[in-house]
Protein backbone atom coordinates (compact mmCIF):
# COMPACT_ATOMS: atom_id res chain seq x y z
CA UNK A 1 -18.47 23.61 9.88
CA UNK A 2 -15.78 25.11 7.97
CA UNK A 3 -15.82 28.87 8.15
CA UNK A 4 -15.53 31.18 5.01
CA UNK A 5 -12.12 32.86 4.37
CA UNK A 6 -10.70 35.05 6.24
CA UNK A 7 -11.74 33.43 9.37
CA UNK A 8 -10.24 30.06 10.13
CA UNK A 9 -10.87 27.27 12.72
CA UNK A 10 -8.57 25.06 14.47
CA UNK A 11 -8.74 21.76 13.04
CA UNK A 12 -10.94 19.25 15.17
CA UNK A 13 -11.84 15.63 14.57
CA UNK A 14 -15.63 16.66 14.00
CA UNK A 15 -14.07 18.27 10.73
CA UNK A 16 -13.44 15.00 9.10
CA UNK A 17 -16.62 14.95 6.82
CA UNK A 18 -16.49 18.20 5.89
CA UNK A 19 -12.82 17.79 4.74
CA UNK A 20 -13.47 14.37 3.03
CA UNK A 21 -16.48 16.38 1.10
CA UNK A 22 -13.66 18.30 -0.51
CA UNK A 23 -10.96 15.57 -1.10
CA UNK A 24 -13.31 12.94 -2.31
CA UNK A 25 -14.01 14.16 -5.57
CA UNK A 26 -10.54 15.22 -6.22
CA UNK A 27 -6.81 13.43 -6.91
CA UNK A 28 -5.89 11.76 -3.80
CA UNK A 29 -3.19 14.64 -2.40
CA UNK A 30 -1.77 13.51 0.80
CA UNK A 31 -1.54 16.86 2.58
CA UNK A 32 -5.52 17.19 2.52
CA UNK A 33 -6.22 13.63 3.56
CA UNK A 34 -8.02 13.81 6.74
CA UNK A 35 -5.84 11.23 8.84
CA UNK A 36 -2.25 12.94 7.49
CA UNK A 37 -3.78 16.25 8.32
CA UNK A 38 -4.65 15.18 11.86
CA UNK A 39 -1.62 13.28 12.54
CA UNK A 40 0.93 15.93 11.64
CA UNK A 41 -0.75 18.85 13.55
CA UNK A 42 1.61 18.23 16.38
CA UNK A 43 1.73 21.83 17.20
CA UNK A 44 -1.96 22.53 17.34
CA UNK A 45 -1.50 25.19 14.53
CA UNK A 46 -3.16 23.88 11.49
CA UNK A 47 -6.53 25.63 10.71
CA UNK A 48 -9.35 25.52 7.81
CA UNK A 49 -11.09 27.82 6.06
CA UNK A 50 -13.46 27.81 2.79
CA UNK A 51 -13.19 30.24 -0.31
CA UNK A 52 -15.26 30.27 -3.40
CA UNK A 53 -15.99 26.22 -2.92
CA UNK A 54 -12.04 25.54 -2.46
CA UNK A 55 -10.61 24.15 0.78
CA UNK A 56 -7.89 26.36 2.10
CA UNK A 57 -5.59 25.19 4.65
CA UNK A 58 -3.07 26.76 7.22
CA UNK A 59 0.14 24.85 7.66
CA UNK A 60 3.29 25.20 9.49
CA UNK A 61 6.58 24.67 7.66
CA UNK A 62 8.19 21.85 9.11
CA UNK A 63 11.69 23.65 9.53
CA UNK A 64 11.24 26.89 9.73
CA UNK A 65 7.96 27.17 11.90
CA UNK A 66 6.58 29.81 9.69
CA UNK A 67 2.89 29.49 8.69
CA UNK A 68 1.66 29.25 5.06
CA UNK A 69 -1.78 28.77 2.98
CA UNK A 70 -2.49 26.46 0.45
CA UNK A 71 -5.98 25.45 -1.20
CA UNK A 72 -7.56 22.43 -2.71
CA UNK A 73 -10.10 22.86 -5.51
CA UNK A 74 -10.65 24.52 -8.99
CA UNK A 75 -13.51 26.79 -8.46
CA UNK A 76 -12.41 30.45 -9.05
CA UNK A 77 -8.74 29.62 -8.89
CA UNK A 78 -7.50 32.71 -10.16
CA UNK A 79 -9.71 34.75 -7.91
CA UNK A 80 -8.81 32.13 -5.03
CA UNK A 81 -5.23 32.80 -5.18
CA UNK A 82 -5.56 36.35 -5.68
CA UNK A 83 -7.49 36.75 -2.61
CA UNK A 84 -5.40 34.46 -0.43
CA UNK A 85 -2.01 36.31 -1.49
CA UNK A 86 -3.66 39.93 -1.21
CA UNK A 87 -4.61 39.10 2.33
CA UNK A 88 -2.33 36.41 3.92
CA UNK A 89 -2.91 36.00 7.47
CA UNK A 90 -0.71 37.71 10.07
CA UNK A 91 2.95 36.16 9.97
CA UNK A 92 1.86 33.76 6.74
CA UNK A 93 4.41 33.49 4.17
CA UNK A 94 3.99 35.69 1.22
CA UNK A 95 3.57 32.79 -1.10
CA UNK A 96 1.07 29.78 -1.49
CA UNK A 97 2.63 26.39 -1.10
CA UNK A 98 1.76 22.77 -1.90
CA UNK A 99 -0.47 24.03 -4.21
CA UNK A 100 -2.16 20.91 -6.19
CA UNK A 101 -1.34 20.74 -9.84
CA UNK A 102 -5.11 20.47 -10.54
CA UNK A 103 -5.32 24.10 -9.04
CA UNK A 104 -2.28 25.48 -10.48
CA UNK A 105 -2.58 24.58 -14.03
CA UNK A 106 -5.96 26.72 -13.63
CA UNK A 107 -4.04 29.86 -12.71
CA UNK A 108 -3.47 32.58 -15.27
CA UNK A 109 0.55 32.19 -16.09
CA UNK A 110 0.44 36.17 -16.94
CA UNK A 111 -0.64 36.74 -13.53
CA UNK A 112 1.08 34.04 -11.00
CA UNK A 113 4.23 32.58 -11.13
CA UNK A 114 4.21 28.85 -10.41
CA UNK A 115 7.25 26.68 -9.61
CA UNK A 116 7.04 23.05 -8.90
CA UNK A 117 7.82 21.84 -5.33
CA UNK A 118 9.45 18.65 -6.55
CA UNK A 119 10.36 17.67 -2.76
CA UNK A 120 6.68 17.38 -2.20
CA UNK A 121 5.60 15.36 -5.01
CA UNK A 122 3.24 12.39 -3.87
CA UNK A 123 3.99 8.78 -5.03
CA UNK A 124 0.77 6.76 -5.93
CA UNK A 125 1.45 3.02 -6.10
CA UNK A 126 -0.85 0.35 -7.73
CA UNK A 127 -1.73 -2.24 -5.13
CA UNK A 128 -1.66 -5.31 -7.44
CA UNK A 129 1.80 -4.70 -8.17
CA UNK A 130 3.11 -5.32 -4.85
CA UNK A 131 1.52 -8.88 -3.97
CA UNK A 132 4.27 -10.90 -5.44
CA UNK A 133 6.29 -8.07 -7.12
CA UNK A 134 5.97 -10.48 -10.44
CA UNK A 135 7.06 -7.75 -12.91
CA UNK A 136 10.70 -7.29 -13.88
CA UNK A 137 10.87 -3.91 -12.62
CA UNK A 138 10.21 -5.31 -9.11
CA UNK A 139 12.93 -8.12 -9.16
CA UNK A 140 14.77 -6.66 -6.40
CA UNK A 141 11.42 -6.70 -4.06
CA UNK A 142 10.65 -10.26 -5.35
CA UNK A 143 14.24 -11.09 -4.21
CA UNK A 144 13.81 -9.67 -0.93
CA UNK A 145 10.33 -10.89 -0.50
CA UNK A 146 11.45 -14.61 -1.30
CA UNK A 147 14.25 -14.18 1.22
CA UNK A 148 12.16 -13.17 4.15
CA UNK A 149 9.77 -15.93 3.73
CA UNK A 150 12.64 -18.36 3.21
CA UNK A 151 14.66 -17.05 6.35
CA UNK A 152 11.73 -16.75 8.75
CA UNK A 153 8.81 -19.57 7.99
CA UNK A 154 7.34 -18.64 11.37
CA UNK A 155 6.52 -15.01 10.64
CA UNK A 156 2.88 -14.08 11.31
CA UNK A 157 0.55 -11.66 9.98
CA UNK A 158 -1.08 -9.73 12.68
CA UNK A 159 -4.05 -7.16 12.83
CA UNK A 160 -2.97 -4.38 14.92
CA UNK A 161 -5.57 -2.19 17.22
CA UNK A 162 -4.00 1.19 17.56
CA UNK A 163 -6.49 1.91 20.40
CA UNK A 164 -4.97 -0.65 22.90
CA UNK A 165 -2.32 -0.19 25.17
CA UNK A 166 -0.38 -3.30 24.40
CA UNK A 167 -0.37 -2.71 20.62
CA UNK A 168 0.91 0.96 21.45
CA UNK A 169 3.73 -0.30 23.66
CA UNK A 170 4.89 -2.72 20.99
CA UNK A 171 4.67 -0.02 18.43
CA UNK A 172 6.84 2.10 20.94
CA UNK A 173 9.26 -0.89 21.18
CA UNK A 174 9.93 -1.24 17.78
CA UNK A 175 10.19 2.55 17.20
CA UNK A 176 12.92 2.54 19.51
CA UNK A 177 14.98 -0.09 17.77
CA UNK A 178 14.51 1.21 14.40
CA UNK A 179 15.68 4.80 15.72
CA UNK A 180 18.69 3.52 17.41
CA UNK A 181 19.98 2.44 13.92
CA UNK A 182 19.50 5.72 12.38
CA UNK A 183 21.91 8.65 12.59
CA UNK A 184 19.43 11.44 11.26
CA UNK A 185 18.07 13.94 13.69
CA UNK A 186 14.77 13.24 15.62
CA UNK A 187 11.87 14.35 14.17
CA UNK A 188 8.08 14.82 15.21
CA UNK A 189 7.08 11.71 13.36
CA UNK A 190 6.75 9.61 16.60
CA UNK A 191 4.42 12.44 18.15
CA UNK A 192 2.70 12.37 14.80
CA UNK A 193 2.02 8.66 15.32
CA UNK A 194 0.79 9.18 18.98
CA UNK A 195 -1.76 11.63 17.80
CA UNK A 196 -3.00 9.01 15.11
CA UNK A 197 -3.22 6.42 17.98
CA UNK A 198 -5.21 8.67 20.40
CA UNK A 199 -7.74 9.67 17.56
CA UNK A 200 -8.04 5.96 16.24
CA UNK A 201 -11.23 5.57 17.92
CA UNK A 202 -12.67 8.36 15.11
CA UNK A 203 -10.46 7.48 12.07
CA UNK A 204 -10.80 4.74 9.20
CA UNK A 205 -7.41 3.19 9.50
CA UNK A 206 -5.98 -0.19 8.65
CA UNK A 207 -3.18 -1.48 11.17
CA UNK A 208 -1.21 -4.33 10.60
CA UNK A 209 1.89 -6.05 11.47
CA UNK A 210 4.38 -8.90 11.26
CA UNK A 211 5.31 -11.00 14.53
CA UNK A 212 8.39 -13.34 14.87
CA UNK A 213 8.03 -15.41 17.62
CA UNK A 214 5.78 -13.49 19.31
CA UNK A 215 7.86 -10.18 18.44
CA UNK A 216 6.52 -7.24 16.51
CA UNK A 217 9.09 -6.66 13.83
CA UNK A 218 6.96 -4.43 11.58
CA UNK A 219 3.77 -2.36 11.38
CA UNK A 220 1.91 -0.41 8.69
CA UNK A 221 -0.89 2.32 9.00
CA UNK A 222 -2.88 3.30 6.30
CA UNK A 223 -5.74 5.80 6.21
CA UNK A 224 -8.86 4.53 4.52
CA UNK A 225 -10.80 7.62 2.99
CA UNK A 226 -13.76 7.05 0.21
CA UNK A 227 -12.73 6.14 -3.17
CA UNK A 228 -9.92 3.43 -4.43
CA UNK A 229 -6.77 5.11 -2.80
CA UNK A 230 -5.66 4.54 0.66
CA UNK A 231 -2.80 6.59 2.14
CA UNK A 232 0.38 5.14 3.85
CA UNK A 233 0.87 7.13 7.26
CA UNK A 234 3.48 5.23 9.26
CA UNK A 235 5.43 1.97 8.46
CA UNK A 236 8.70 0.85 10.12
CA UNK A 237 10.69 -2.29 10.27
CA UNK A 238 13.42 -3.79 12.19
CA UNK A 239 15.89 -4.20 9.47
CA UNK A 240 17.85 -6.91 11.19
CA UNK A 241 15.22 -9.13 9.51
CA UNK A 242 16.31 -8.88 5.69
CA UNK A 243 13.58 -8.26 3.23
CA UNK A 244 11.28 -7.13 5.81
CA UNK A 245 9.95 -4.29 4.13
CA UNK A 246 9.08 -5.81 1.23
CA UNK A 247 7.13 -8.88 3.40
CA UNK A 248 5.60 -5.69 4.88
CA UNK A 249 4.59 -3.83 1.73
CA UNK A 250 3.43 -6.96 0.16
CA UNK A 251 1.20 -7.85 3.25
CA UNK A 252 -0.26 -4.11 3.38
CA UNK A 253 -1.00 -4.45 -0.21
CA UNK A 254 -3.02 -7.75 0.37
CA UNK A 255 -4.66 -6.41 2.92
CA UNK A 256 -6.02 -3.22 1.57
CA UNK A 257 -6.99 -4.93 -1.80
CA UNK A 258 -9.36 -6.70 0.39
CA UNK A 259 -10.73 -3.63 1.33
CA UNK A 260 -11.76 -2.75 -1.72
CA UNK A 261 -8.64 -0.52 -2.68
CA UNK A 262 -6.49 -0.50 -5.70
CA UNK A 263 -4.09 2.40 -5.00
CA UNK A 264 -2.13 3.74 -2.33
CA UNK A 265 -0.37 7.12 -2.01
CA UNK A 266 2.96 6.73 -0.25
CA UNK A 267 3.45 10.26 0.26
CA UNK A 268 6.21 12.65 -0.62
CA UNK A 269 10.05 12.33 0.07
CA UNK A 270 11.04 15.77 1.31
CA UNK A 271 14.27 15.88 -0.40
CA UNK A 272 15.85 13.07 1.20
CA UNK A 273 17.55 11.03 -1.39
CA UNK A 274 17.44 7.46 0.32
CA UNK A 275 13.69 8.16 1.00
CA UNK A 276 13.20 9.19 -2.75
CA UNK A 277 15.41 6.16 -3.92
CA UNK A 278 13.14 4.00 -1.91
CA UNK A 279 9.68 5.31 -3.16
CA UNK A 280 10.99 5.09 -6.82
CA UNK A 281 12.09 1.55 -6.50
CA UNK A 282 8.24 0.82 -5.82
CA UNK A 283 7.59 1.94 -9.54
CA UNK A 284 4.83 4.25 -8.75
CA UNK A 285 2.01 4.63 -11.09
CA UNK A 286 1.38 8.35 -10.57
CA UNK A 287 3.04 11.54 -9.38
CA UNK A 288 0.86 13.87 -7.74
CA UNK A 289 2.66 17.47 -8.51
CA UNK A 290 2.27 20.52 -5.69
CA UNK A 291 3.50 23.79 -6.43
CA UNK A 292 4.55 27.30 -4.99
CA UNK A 293 2.35 29.99 -6.27
CA UNK A 294 3.27 33.80 -6.20
CA UNK A 295 2.13 36.97 -7.87
CA UNK A 296 3.94 38.54 -10.75
CA UNK A 297 5.38 41.69 -10.21
């Protein structure tokens, strides 16, 4: 059970249903989806509370390590924001961050200063558009997919069981090959993926991969909450196989549609230009915006 604010509880697997009860009736923001919450709680500092019927989450900034609060919901939005800003948890940022647009729009502009956090916008894609990339705007992906299928006719689709040691070792090997080609500093993403694997027995997930001559060359993991929108959690591929990402995305779309999903939240770009370009190239159909909220002086 999630306690009432100002009491917080550390995030636990047992909280999944309580969190889902809040998120299932609202737009599919990635920050509040339980699989995403669980994976990225790499420092064990994430905590939950409830206030006026809204879900309150204490996050930790990825770069500075400073904790901050946010909330999901539209019930008594002004009162919720006022209360959270007046009694910020010890050490927390003096503003609210990652506040979903549905909550931000309910706030009184005369009392609160609301500023969009562009780097944290969620991209939501229509899965059927990625099956064959038939639309003119997806011409590049269509060509990449055709090249991959033509060049690697022995590529095979495989279901991945994240609970098994064999699968984890295959993914870690692929991840190592992927990192060797990158110049960016190491992030906590591998640790977040390990956390997800350790909890795979308790979470609704879809994990698929592509193998060529028995070797894993791409994998995709999505979280499966209630509703029609899946959440992409992790996807990596060996780019030595040209077109592999287009093939992986098409494969994931086919798998998720078979499971009853029509959309997928491919998350945010965190201000990284290459990542932003890649997500925009998927031609998302929705943008879920989030905001920074402060009291006006």
